[in-house]
């Protein structure tokens, strides 16, 4: 799948991550902080709460200059201890 995705994208391009994490107040700030290190800019994430309110679904779009930025951010966001899934 990685090769196919790399072939499908033309850079620069917009790329949206969907992140599911624990419903903690610091989740959004931690995600944006990681993204700001790699690709500084203004970000407006879309946030939805789970039915029970235990988790947040965060969609955030970046403008990637190359495929490596997409991969690096995927791994760096995954390292946040309250993040459960990065798509």
PDB file of N, CA and C in Angstrom:
ATOM      1  N   UNK A   1       0.831  -1.194   0.000  1.00  0.00           N
ATOM      2  CA  UNK A   1       0.000   0.000   0.000  1.00  0.00           C
ATOM      3  C   UNK A   1       0.872   1.253   0.000  1.00  0.00           C
ATOM      4  N   UNK A   2       1.996   1.207   0.691  1.00  0.00           N
ATOM      5  CA  UNK A   2       2.878   2.363   0.789  1.00  0.00           C
ATOM      6  C   UNK A   2       3.351   2.812  -0.597  1.00  0.00           C
ATOM      7  N   UNK A   3       3.732   1.872  -1.429  1.00  0.00           N
ATOM      8  CA  UNK A   3       4.196   2.217  -2.774  1.00  0.00           C
ATOM      9  C   UNK A   3       3.055   2.815  -3.579  1.00  0.00           C
ATOM     10  N   UNK A   4       1.877   2.261  -3.482  1.00  0.00           N
ATOM     11  CA  UNK A   4       0.732   2.780  -4.225  1.00  0.00           C
ATOM     12  C   UNK A   4       0.397   4.207  -3.796  1.00  0.00           C
ATOM     13  N   UNK A   5       0.406   4.459  -2.499  1.00  0.00           N
ATOM     14  CA  UNK A   5       0.106   5.803  -2.007  1.00  0.00           C
ATOM     15  C   UNK A   5       1.151   6.786  -2.510  1.00  0.00           C
ATOM     16  N   UNK A   6       2.402   6.398  -2.437  1.00  0.00           N
ATOM     17  CA  UNK A   6       3.492   7.256  -2.906  1.00  0.00           C
ATOM     18  C   UNK A   6       3.305   7.599  -4.382  1.00  0.00           C
ATOM     19  N   UNK A   7       2.882   6.628  -5.163  1.00  0.00           N
ATOM     20  CA  UNK A   7       2.686   6.835  -6.602  1.00  0.00           C
ATOM     21  C   UNK A   7       1.455   7.692  -6.899  1.00  0.00           C
ATOM     22  N   UNK A   8       0.456   7.635  -6.048  1.00  0.00           N
ATOM     23  CA  UNK A   8      -0.785   8.368  -6.288  1.00  0.00           C
ATOM     24  C   UNK A   8      -0.661   9.863  -5.989  1.00  0.00           C
ATOM     25  N   UNK A   9       0.204  10.216  -5.073  1.00  0.00           N
ATOM     26  CA  UNK A   9       0.292  11.605  -4.641  1.00  0.00           C
ATOM     27  C   UNK A   9       1.248  12.405  -5.513  1.00  0.00           C
ATOM     28  N   UNK A  10       0.856  13.639  -5.784  1.00  0.00           N
ATOM     29  CA  UNK A  10       1.720  14.587  -6.481  1.00  0.00           C
ATOM     30  C   UNK A  10       1.975  15.744  -5.530  1.00  0.00           C
ATOM     31  N   UNK A  11       3.227  16.062  -5.337  1.00  0.00           N
ATOM     32  CA  UNK A  11       3.607  17.039  -4.320  1.00  0.00           C
ATOM     33  C   UNK A  11       3.906  18.393  -4.935  1.00  0.00           C
ATOM     34  N   UNK A  12       3.623  19.463  -4.162  1.00  0.00           N
ATOM     35  CA  UNK A  12       3.004  19.488  -2.833  1.00  0.00           C
ATOM     36  C   UNK A  12       1.542  19.083  -2.921  1.00  0.00           C
ATOM     37  N   UNK A  13       1.021  18.527  -1.835  1.00  0.00           N
ATOM     38  CA  UNK A  13      -0.380  18.113  -1.806  1.00  0.00           C
ATOM     39  C   UNK A  13      -0.934  18.233  -0.388  1.00  0.00           C
ATOM     40  N   UNK A  14      -2.259  18.302  -0.318  1.00  0.00           N
ATOM     41  CA  UNK A  14      -2.929  18.287   0.981  1.00  0.00           C
ATOM     42  C   UNK A  14      -3.122  16.842   1.392  1.00  0.00           C
ATOM     43  N   UNK A  15      -2.889  16.562   2.670  1.00  0.00           N
ATOM     44  CA  UNK A  15      -3.021  15.212   3.197  1.00  0.00           C
ATOM     45  C   UNK A  15      -3.701  15.312   4.553  1.00  0.00           C
ATOM     46  N   UNK A  16      -4.749  14.520   4.749  1.00  0.00           N
ATOM     47  CA  UNK A  16      -5.505  14.558   6.002  1.00  0.00           C
ATOM     48  C   UNK A  16      -5.211  13.327   6.851  1.00  0.00           C
ATOM     49  N   UNK A  17      -4.848  13.579   8.094  1.00  0.00           N
ATOM     50  CA  UNK A  17      -4.681  12.518   9.085  1.00  0.00           C
ATOM     51  C   UNK A  17      -5.952  12.446   9.914  1.00  0.00           C
ATOM     52  N   UNK A  18      -6.360  11.234  10.247  1.00  0.00           N
ATOM     53  CA  UNK A  18      -7.445  11.037  11.199  1.00  0.00           C
ATOM     54  C   UNK A  18      -6.813  10.344  12.399  1.00  0.00           C
ATOM     55  N   UNK A  19      -6.951  10.967  13.544  1.00  0.00           N
ATOM     56  CA  UNK A  19      -6.292  10.497  14.751  1.00  0.00           C
ATOM     57  C   UNK A  19      -7.355  10.237  15.810  1.00  0.00           C
ATOM     58  N   UNK A  20      -7.262   9.088  16.443  1.00  0.00           N
ATOM     59  CA  UNK A  20      -8.172   8.758  17.539  1.00  0.00           C
ATOM     60  C   UNK A  20      -7.331   8.651  18.803  1.00  0.00           C
ATOM     61  N   UNK A  21      -7.740   9.398  19.818  1.00  0.00           N
ATOM     62  CA  UNK A  21      -6.997   9.401  21.066  1.00  0.00           C
ATOM     63  C   UNK A  21      -7.914   9.566  22.259  1.00  0.00           C
ATOM     64  N   UNK A  22      -7.335   9.436  23.431  1.00  0.00           N
ATOM     65  CA  UNK A  22      -8.106   9.609  24.663  1.00  0.00           C
ATOM     66  C   UNK A  22      -8.624  11.038  24.745  1.00  0.00           C
ATOM     67  N   UNK A  23      -9.807  11.196  25.282  1.00  0.00           N
ATOM     68  CA  UNK A  23     -10.445  12.523  25.380  1.00  0.00           C
ATOM     69  C   UNK A  23      -9.810  13.314  26.524  1.00  0.00           C
ATOM     70  N   UNK A  24      -8.597  13.734  26.302  1.00  0.00           N
ATOM     71  CA  UNK A  24      -7.863  14.546  27.278  1.00  0.00           C
ATOM     72  C   UNK A  24      -7.703  15.946  26.686  1.00  0.00           C
ATOM     73  N   UNK A  25      -7.728  16.982  27.510  1.00  0.00           N
ATOM     74  CA  UNK A  25      -7.615  18.349  26.996  1.00  0.00           C
ATOM     75  C   UNK A  25      -6.323  18.611  26.227  1.00  0.00           C
ATOM     76  N   UNK A  26      -5.253  17.910  26.551  1.00  0.00           N
ATOM     77  CA  UNK A  26      -3.965  18.156  25.915  1.00  0.00           C
ATOM     78  C   UNK A  26      -3.786  17.455  24.565  1.00  0.00           C
ATOM     79  N   UNK A  27      -4.721  16.588  24.175  1.00  0.00           N
ATOM     80  CA  UNK A  27      -4.572  15.817  22.935  1.00  0.00           C
ATOM     81  C   UNK A  27      -4.363  16.716  21.716  1.00  0.00           C
ATOM     82  N   UNK A  28      -5.226  17.680  21.515  1.00  0.00           N
ATOM     83  CA  UNK A  28      -5.157  18.547  20.337  1.00  0.00           C
ATOM     84  C   UNK A  28      -3.849  19.331  20.337  1.00  0.00           C
ATOM     85  N   UNK A  29      -3.483  19.888  21.466  1.00  0.00           N
ATOM     86  CA  UNK A  29      -2.242  20.666  21.549  1.00  0.00           C
ATOM     87  C   UNK A  29      -1.017  19.816  21.238  1.00  0.00           C
ATOM     88  N   UNK A  30      -1.005  18.586  21.711  1.00  0.00           N
ATOM     89  CA  UNK A  30       0.136  17.709  21.452  1.00  0.00           C
ATOM     90  C   UNK A  30       0.236  17.350  19.969  1.00  0.00           C
ATOM     91  N   UNK A  31      -0.890  17.092  19.333  1.00  0.00           N
ATOM     92  CA  UNK A  31      -0.897  16.770  17.902  1.00  0.00           C
ATOM     93  C   UNK A  31      -0.391  17.968  17.098  1.00  0.00           C
ATOM     94  N   UNK A  32      -0.920  19.137  17.376  1.00  0.00           N
ATOM     95  CA  UNK A  32      -0.517  20.337  16.629  1.00  0.00           C
ATOM     96  C   UNK A  32       0.957  20.658  16.877  1.00  0.00           C
ATOM     97  N   UNK A  33       1.425  20.460  18.096  1.00  0.00           N
ATOM     98  CA  UNK A  33       2.834  20.714  18.409  1.00  0.00           C
ATOM     99  C   UNK A  33       3.750  19.840  17.554  1.00  0.00           C
ATOM    100  N   UNK A  34       3.420  18.566  17.410  1.00  0.00           N
ATOM    101  CA  UNK A  34       4.216  17.644  16.589  1.00  0.00           C
ATOM    102  C   UNK A  34       4.200  18.082  15.123  1.00  0.00           C
ATOM    103  N   UNK A  35       3.039  18.469  14.633  1.00  0.00           N
ATOM    104  CA  UNK A  35       2.922  18.901  13.238  1.00  0.00           C
ATOM    105  C   UNK A  35       3.702  20.200  13.014  1.00  0.00           C
ATOM    106  N   UNK A  36       3.614  21.125  13.955  1.00  0.00           N
ATOM    107  CA  UNK A  36       4.300  22.420  13.827  1.00  0.00           C
ATOM    108  C   UNK A  36       5.819  22.253  13.704  1.00  0.00           C
ATOM    109  N   UNK A  37       6.368  21.252  14.343  1.00  0.00           N
ATOM    110  CA  UNK A  37       7.811  21.010  14.265  1.00  0.00           C
ATOM    111  C   UNK A  37       8.212  20.685  12.831  1.00  0.00           C
ATOM    112  N   UNK A  38       7.408  19.866  12.162  1.00  0.00           N
ATOM    113  CA  UNK A  38       7.730  19.439  10.796  1.00  0.00           C
ATOM    114  C   UNK A  38       7.256  20.430   9.735  1.00  0.00           C
ATOM    115  N   UNK A  39       6.025  20.926   9.898  1.00  0.00           N
ATOM    116  CA  UNK A  39       5.413  21.812   8.899  1.00  0.00           C
ATOM    117  C   UNK A  39       4.712  22.960   9.635  1.00  0.00           C
ATOM    118  N   UNK A  40       5.439  24.029   9.912  1.00  0.00           N
ATOM    119  CA  UNK A  40       4.827  25.169  10.613  1.00  0.00           C
ATOM    120  C   UNK A  40       3.657  25.752   9.815  1.00  0.00           C
ATOM    121  N   UNK A  41       2.638  26.168  10.522  1.00  0.00           N
ATOM    122  CA  UNK A  41       1.475  26.772   9.877  1.00  0.00           C
ATOM    123  C   UNK A  41       0.311  26.864  10.838  1.00  0.00           C
ATOM    124  N   UNK A  42      -0.809  27.352  10.318  1.00  0.00           N
ATOM    125  CA  UNK A  42      -2.037  27.433  11.101  1.00  0.00           C
ATOM    126  C   UNK A  42      -2.887  26.212  10.795  1.00  0.00           C
ATOM    127  N   UNK A  43      -3.312  25.525  11.821  1.00  0.00           N
ATOM    128  CA  UNK A  43      -4.100  24.309  11.644  1.00  0.00           C
ATOM    129  C   UNK A  43      -5.407  24.416  12.417  1.00  0.00           C
ATOM    130  N   UNK A  44      -6.476  23.975  11.778  1.00  0.00           N
ATOM    131  CA  UNK A  44      -7.793  23.961  12.407  1.00  0.00           C
ATOM    132  C   UNK A  44      -8.331  22.534  12.349  1.00  0.00           C
ATOM    133  N   UNK A  45      -8.078  21.750  13.381  1.00  0.00           N
ATOM    134  CA  UNK A  45      -8.543  20.368  13.367  1.00  0.00           C
ATOM    135  C   UNK A  45     -10.051  20.274  13.545  1.00  0.00           C
ATOM    136  N   UNK A  46     -10.627  19.259  12.948  1.00  0.00           N
ATOM    137  CA  UNK A  46     -12.037  18.932  13.176  1.00  0.00           C
ATOM    138  C   UNK A  46     -12.057  17.866  14.258  1.00  0.00           C
ATOM    139  N   UNK A  47     -12.889  18.084  15.272  1.00  0.00           N
ATOM    140  CA  UNK A  47     -12.890  17.212  16.435  1.00  0.00           C
ATOM    141  C   UNK A  47     -14.284  16.667  16.675  1.00  0.00           C
ATOM    142  N   UNK A  48     -14.351  15.362  16.886  1.00  0.00           N
ATOM    143  CA  UNK A  48     -15.613  14.709  17.241  1.00  0.00           C
ATOM    144  C   UNK A  48     -15.371  13.831  18.450  1.00  0.00           C
ATOM    145  N   UNK A  49     -16.340  13.803  19.330  1.00  0.00           N
ATOM    146  CA  UNK A  49     -16.259  12.987  20.535  1.00  0.00           C
ATOM    147  C   UNK A  49     -16.953  11.653  20.308  1.00  0.00           C
ATOM    148  N   UNK A  50     -16.452  10.610  20.951  1.00  0.00           N
ATOM    149  CA  UNK A  50     -17.117   9.308  20.866  1.00  0.00           C
ATOM    150  C   UNK A  50     -18.433   9.350  21.640  1.00  0.00           C
ATOM    151  N   UNK A  51     -19.272   8.358  21.439  1.00  0.00           N
ATOM    152  CA  UNK A  51     -20.586   8.325  22.098  1.00  0.00           C
ATOM    153  C   UNK A  51     -20.490   8.427  23.615  1.00  0.00           C
ATOM    154  N   UNK A  52     -19.537   7.748  24.191  1.00  0.00           N
ATOM    155  CA  UNK A  52     -19.378   7.771  25.646  1.00  0.00           C
ATOM    156  C   UNK A  52     -18.458   8.895  26.121  1.00  0.00           C
ATOM    157  N   UNK A  53     -17.830   9.590  25.179  1.00  0.00           N
ATOM    158  CA  UNK A  53     -16.960  10.691  25.545  1.00  0.00           C
ATOM    159  C   UNK A  53     -15.566  10.286  26.008  1.00  0.00           C
ATOM    160  N   UNK A  54     -15.211   9.019  25.811  1.00  0.00           N
ATOM    161  CA  UNK A  54     -13.895   8.550  26.240  1.00  0.00           C
ATOM    162  C   UNK A  54     -12.793   8.872  25.233  1.00  0.00           C
ATOM    163  N   UNK A  55     -13.171   9.030  23.964  1.00  0.00           N
ATOM    164  CA  UNK A  55     -12.198   9.236  22.888  1.00  0.00           C
ATOM    165  C   UNK A  55     -12.577  10.436  22.046  1.00  0.00           C
ATOM    166  N   UNK A  56     -11.548  11.004  21.383  1.00  0.00           N
ATOM    167  CA  UNK A  56     -11.761  12.067  20.410  1.00  0.00           C
ATOM    168  C   UNK A  56     -11.243  11.594  19.067  1.00  0.00           C
ATOM    169  N   UNK A  57     -11.959  11.955  18.031  1.00  0.00           N
ATOM    170  CA  UNK A  57     -11.513  11.732  16.661  1.00  0.00           C
ATOM    171  C   UNK A  57     -11.100  13.098  16.130  1.00  0.00           C
ATOM    172  N   UNK A  58      -9.848  13.192  15.688  1.00  0.00           N
ATOM    173  CA  UNK A  58      -9.293  14.465  15.236  1.00  0.00           C
ATOM    174  C   UNK A  58      -8.879  14.314  13.777  1.00  0.00           C
ATOM    175  N   UNK A  59      -9.444  15.137  12.911  1.00  0.00           N
ATOM    176  CA  UNK A  59      -9.026  15.183  11.506  1.00  0.00           C
ATOM    177  C   UNK A  59      -8.264  16.480  11.301  1.00  0.00           C
ATOM    178  N   UNK A  60      -7.065  16.361  10.732  1.00  0.00           N
ATOM    179  CA  UNK A  60      -6.232  17.542  10.524  1.00  0.00           C
ATOM    180  C   UNK A  60      -5.522  17.414   9.176  1.00  0.00           C
ATOM    181  N   UNK A  61      -5.568  18.472   8.402  1.00  0.00           N
ATOM    182  CA  UNK A  61      -5.006  18.467   7.047  1.00  0.00           C
ATOM    183  C   UNK A  61      -3.721  19.289   7.018  1.00  0.00           C
ATOM    184  N   UNK A  62      -2.708  18.699   6.387  1.00  0.00           N
ATOM    185  CA  UNK A  62      -1.421  19.371   6.213  1.00  0.00           C
ATOM    186  C   UNK A  62      -1.162  19.568   4.724  1.00  0.00           C
ATOM    187  N   UNK A  63      -0.197  20.400   4.401  1.00  0.00           N
ATOM    188  CA  UNK A  63       0.277  20.531   3.027  1.00  0.00           C
ATOM    189  C   UNK A  63       1.689  19.947   3.009  1.00  0.00           C
ATOM    190  N   UNK A  64       1.799  18.748   2.465  1.00  0.00           N
ATOM    191  CA  UNK A  64       3.084  18.037   2.448  1.00  0.00           C
ATOM    192  C   UNK A  64       3.871  18.370   1.194  1.00  0.00           C
ATOM    193  N   UNK A  65       5.171  18.558   1.370  1.00  0.00           N
ATOM    194  CA  UNK A  65       6.051  18.833   0.242  1.00  0.00           C
ATOM    195  C   UNK A  65       6.620  17.556  -0.365  1.00  0.00           C
ATOM    196  N   UNK A  66       6.627  16.470   0.430  1.00  0.00           N
ATOM    197  CA  UNK A  66       7.134  15.194  -0.061  1.00  0.00           C
ATOM    198  C   UNK A  66       6.561  14.057   0.784  1.00  0.00           C
ATOM    199  N   UNK A  67       6.748  12.846   0.318  1.00  0.00           N
ATOM    200  CA  UNK A  67       6.181  11.679   0.992  1.00  0.00           C
ATOM    201  C   UNK A  67       6.834  11.446   2.354  1.00  0.00           C
ATOM    202  N   UNK A  68       8.088  11.809   2.479  1.00  0.00           N
ATOM    203  CA  UNK A  68       8.790  11.616   3.742  1.00  0.00           C
ATOM    204  C   UNK A  68       8.134  12.402   4.869  1.00  0.00           C
ATOM    205  N   UNK A  69       7.630  13.607   4.581  1.00  0.00           N
ATOM    206  CA  UNK A  69       6.930  14.383   5.613  1.00  0.00           C
ATOM    207  C   UNK A  69       5.700  13.629   6.107  1.00  0.00           C
ATOM    208  N   UNK A  70       4.976  13.006   5.198  1.00  0.00           N
ATOM    209  CA  UNK A  70       3.784  12.238   5.581  1.00  0.00           C
ATOM    210  C   UNK A  70       4.173  11.093   6.501  1.00  0.00           C
ATOM    211  N   UNK A  71       5.225  10.371   6.145  1.00  0.00           N
ATOM    212  CA  UNK A  71       5.679   9.240   6.955  1.00  0.00           C
ATOM    213  C   UNK A  71       6.187   9.687   8.326  1.00  0.00           C
ATOM    214  N   UNK A  72       6.992  10.732   8.346  1.00  0.00           N
ATOM    215  CA  UNK A  72       7.546  11.225   9.615  1.00  0.00           C
ATOM    216  C   UNK A  72       6.427  11.639  10.558  1.00  0.00           C
ATOM    217  N   UNK A  73       5.469  12.397  10.051  1.00  0.00           N
ATOM    218  CA  UNK A  73       4.368  12.841  10.913  1.00  0.00           C
ATOM    219  C   UNK A  73       3.536  11.659  11.403  1.00  0.00           C
ATOM    220  N   UNK A  74       3.305  10.684  10.551  1.00  0.00           N
ATOM    221  CA  UNK A  74       2.561   9.490  10.972  1.00  0.00           C
ATOM    222  C   UNK A  74       3.261   8.854  12.189  1.00  0.00           C
ATOM    223  N   UNK A  75       4.558   8.677  12.099  1.00  0.00           N
ATOM    224  CA  UNK A  75       5.297   8.037  13.197  1.00  0.00           C
ATOM    225  C   UNK A  75       5.377   8.928  14.437  1.00  0.00           C
ATOM    226  N   UNK A  76       5.576  10.222  14.244  1.00  0.00           N
ATOM    227  CA  UNK A  76       5.683  11.131  15.388  1.00  0.00           C
ATOM    228  C   UNK A  76       4.349  11.287  16.119  1.00  0.00           C
ATOM    229  N   UNK A  77       3.259  11.378  15.367  1.00  0.00           N
ATOM    230  CA  UNK A  77       1.931  11.465  16.008  1.00  0.00           C
ATOM    231  C   UNK A  77       1.623  10.169  16.749  1.00  0.00           C
ATOM    232  N   UNK A  78       2.021   9.039  16.176  1.00  0.00           N
ATOM    233  CA  UNK A  78       1.790   7.738  16.821  1.00  0.00           C
ATOM    234  C   UNK A  78       2.496   7.613  18.164  1.00  0.00           C
ATOM    235  N   UNK A  79       3.574   8.360  18.347  1.00  0.00           N
ATOM    236  CA  UNK A  79       4.345   8.301  19.598  1.00  0.00           C
ATOM    237  C   UNK A  79       3.671   9.023  20.758  1.00  0.00           C
ATOM    238  N   UNK A  80       2.684   9.867  20.489  1.00  0.00           N
ATOM    239  CA  UNK A  80       1.987  10.588  21.566  1.00  0.00           C
ATOM    240  C   UNK A  80       1.262   9.533  22.417  1.00  0.00           C
ATOM    241  N   UNK A  81       1.533   9.542  23.716  1.00  0.00           N
ATOM    242  CA  UNK A  81       1.050   8.449  24.571  1.00  0.00           C
ATOM    243  C   UNK A  81      -0.468   8.344  24.687  1.00  0.00           C
ATOM    244  N   UNK A  82      -1.217   9.406  24.420  1.00  0.00           N
ATOM    245  CA  UNK A  82      -2.684   9.308  24.510  1.00  0.00           C
ATOM    246  C   UNK A  82      -3.334   9.092  23.148  1.00  0.00           C
ATOM    247  N   UNK A  83      -2.518   8.950  22.104  1.00  0.00           N
ATOM    248  CA  UNK A  83      -3.042   8.621  20.773  1.00  0.00           C
ATOM    249  C   UNK A  83      -3.173   7.114  20.668  1.00  0.00           C
ATOM    250  N   UNK A  84      -4.292   6.666  20.144  1.00  0.00           N
ATOM    251  CA  UNK A  84      -4.525   5.226  19.988  1.00  0.00           C
ATOM    252  C   UNK A  84      -4.398   4.761  18.538  1.00  0.00           C
ATOM    253  N   UNK A  85      -4.862   5.568  17.578  1.00  0.00           N
ATOM    254  CA  UNK A  85      -4.827   5.170  16.172  1.00  0.00           C
ATOM    255  C   UNK A  85      -4.524   6.402  15.322  1.00  0.00           C
ATOM    256  N   UNK A  86      -3.686   6.222  14.294  1.00  0.00           N
ATOM    257  CA  UNK A  86      -3.427   7.270  13.315  1.00  0.00           C
ATOM    258  C   UNK A  86      -3.714   6.670  11.946  1.00  0.00           C
ATOM    259  N   UNK A  87      -4.633   7.298  11.239  1.00  0.00           N
ATOM    260  CA  UNK A  87      -4.979   6.841   9.885  1.00  0.00           C
ATOM    261  C   UNK A  87      -4.618   7.919   8.891  1.00  0.00           C
TER     262      UNK A  87
END
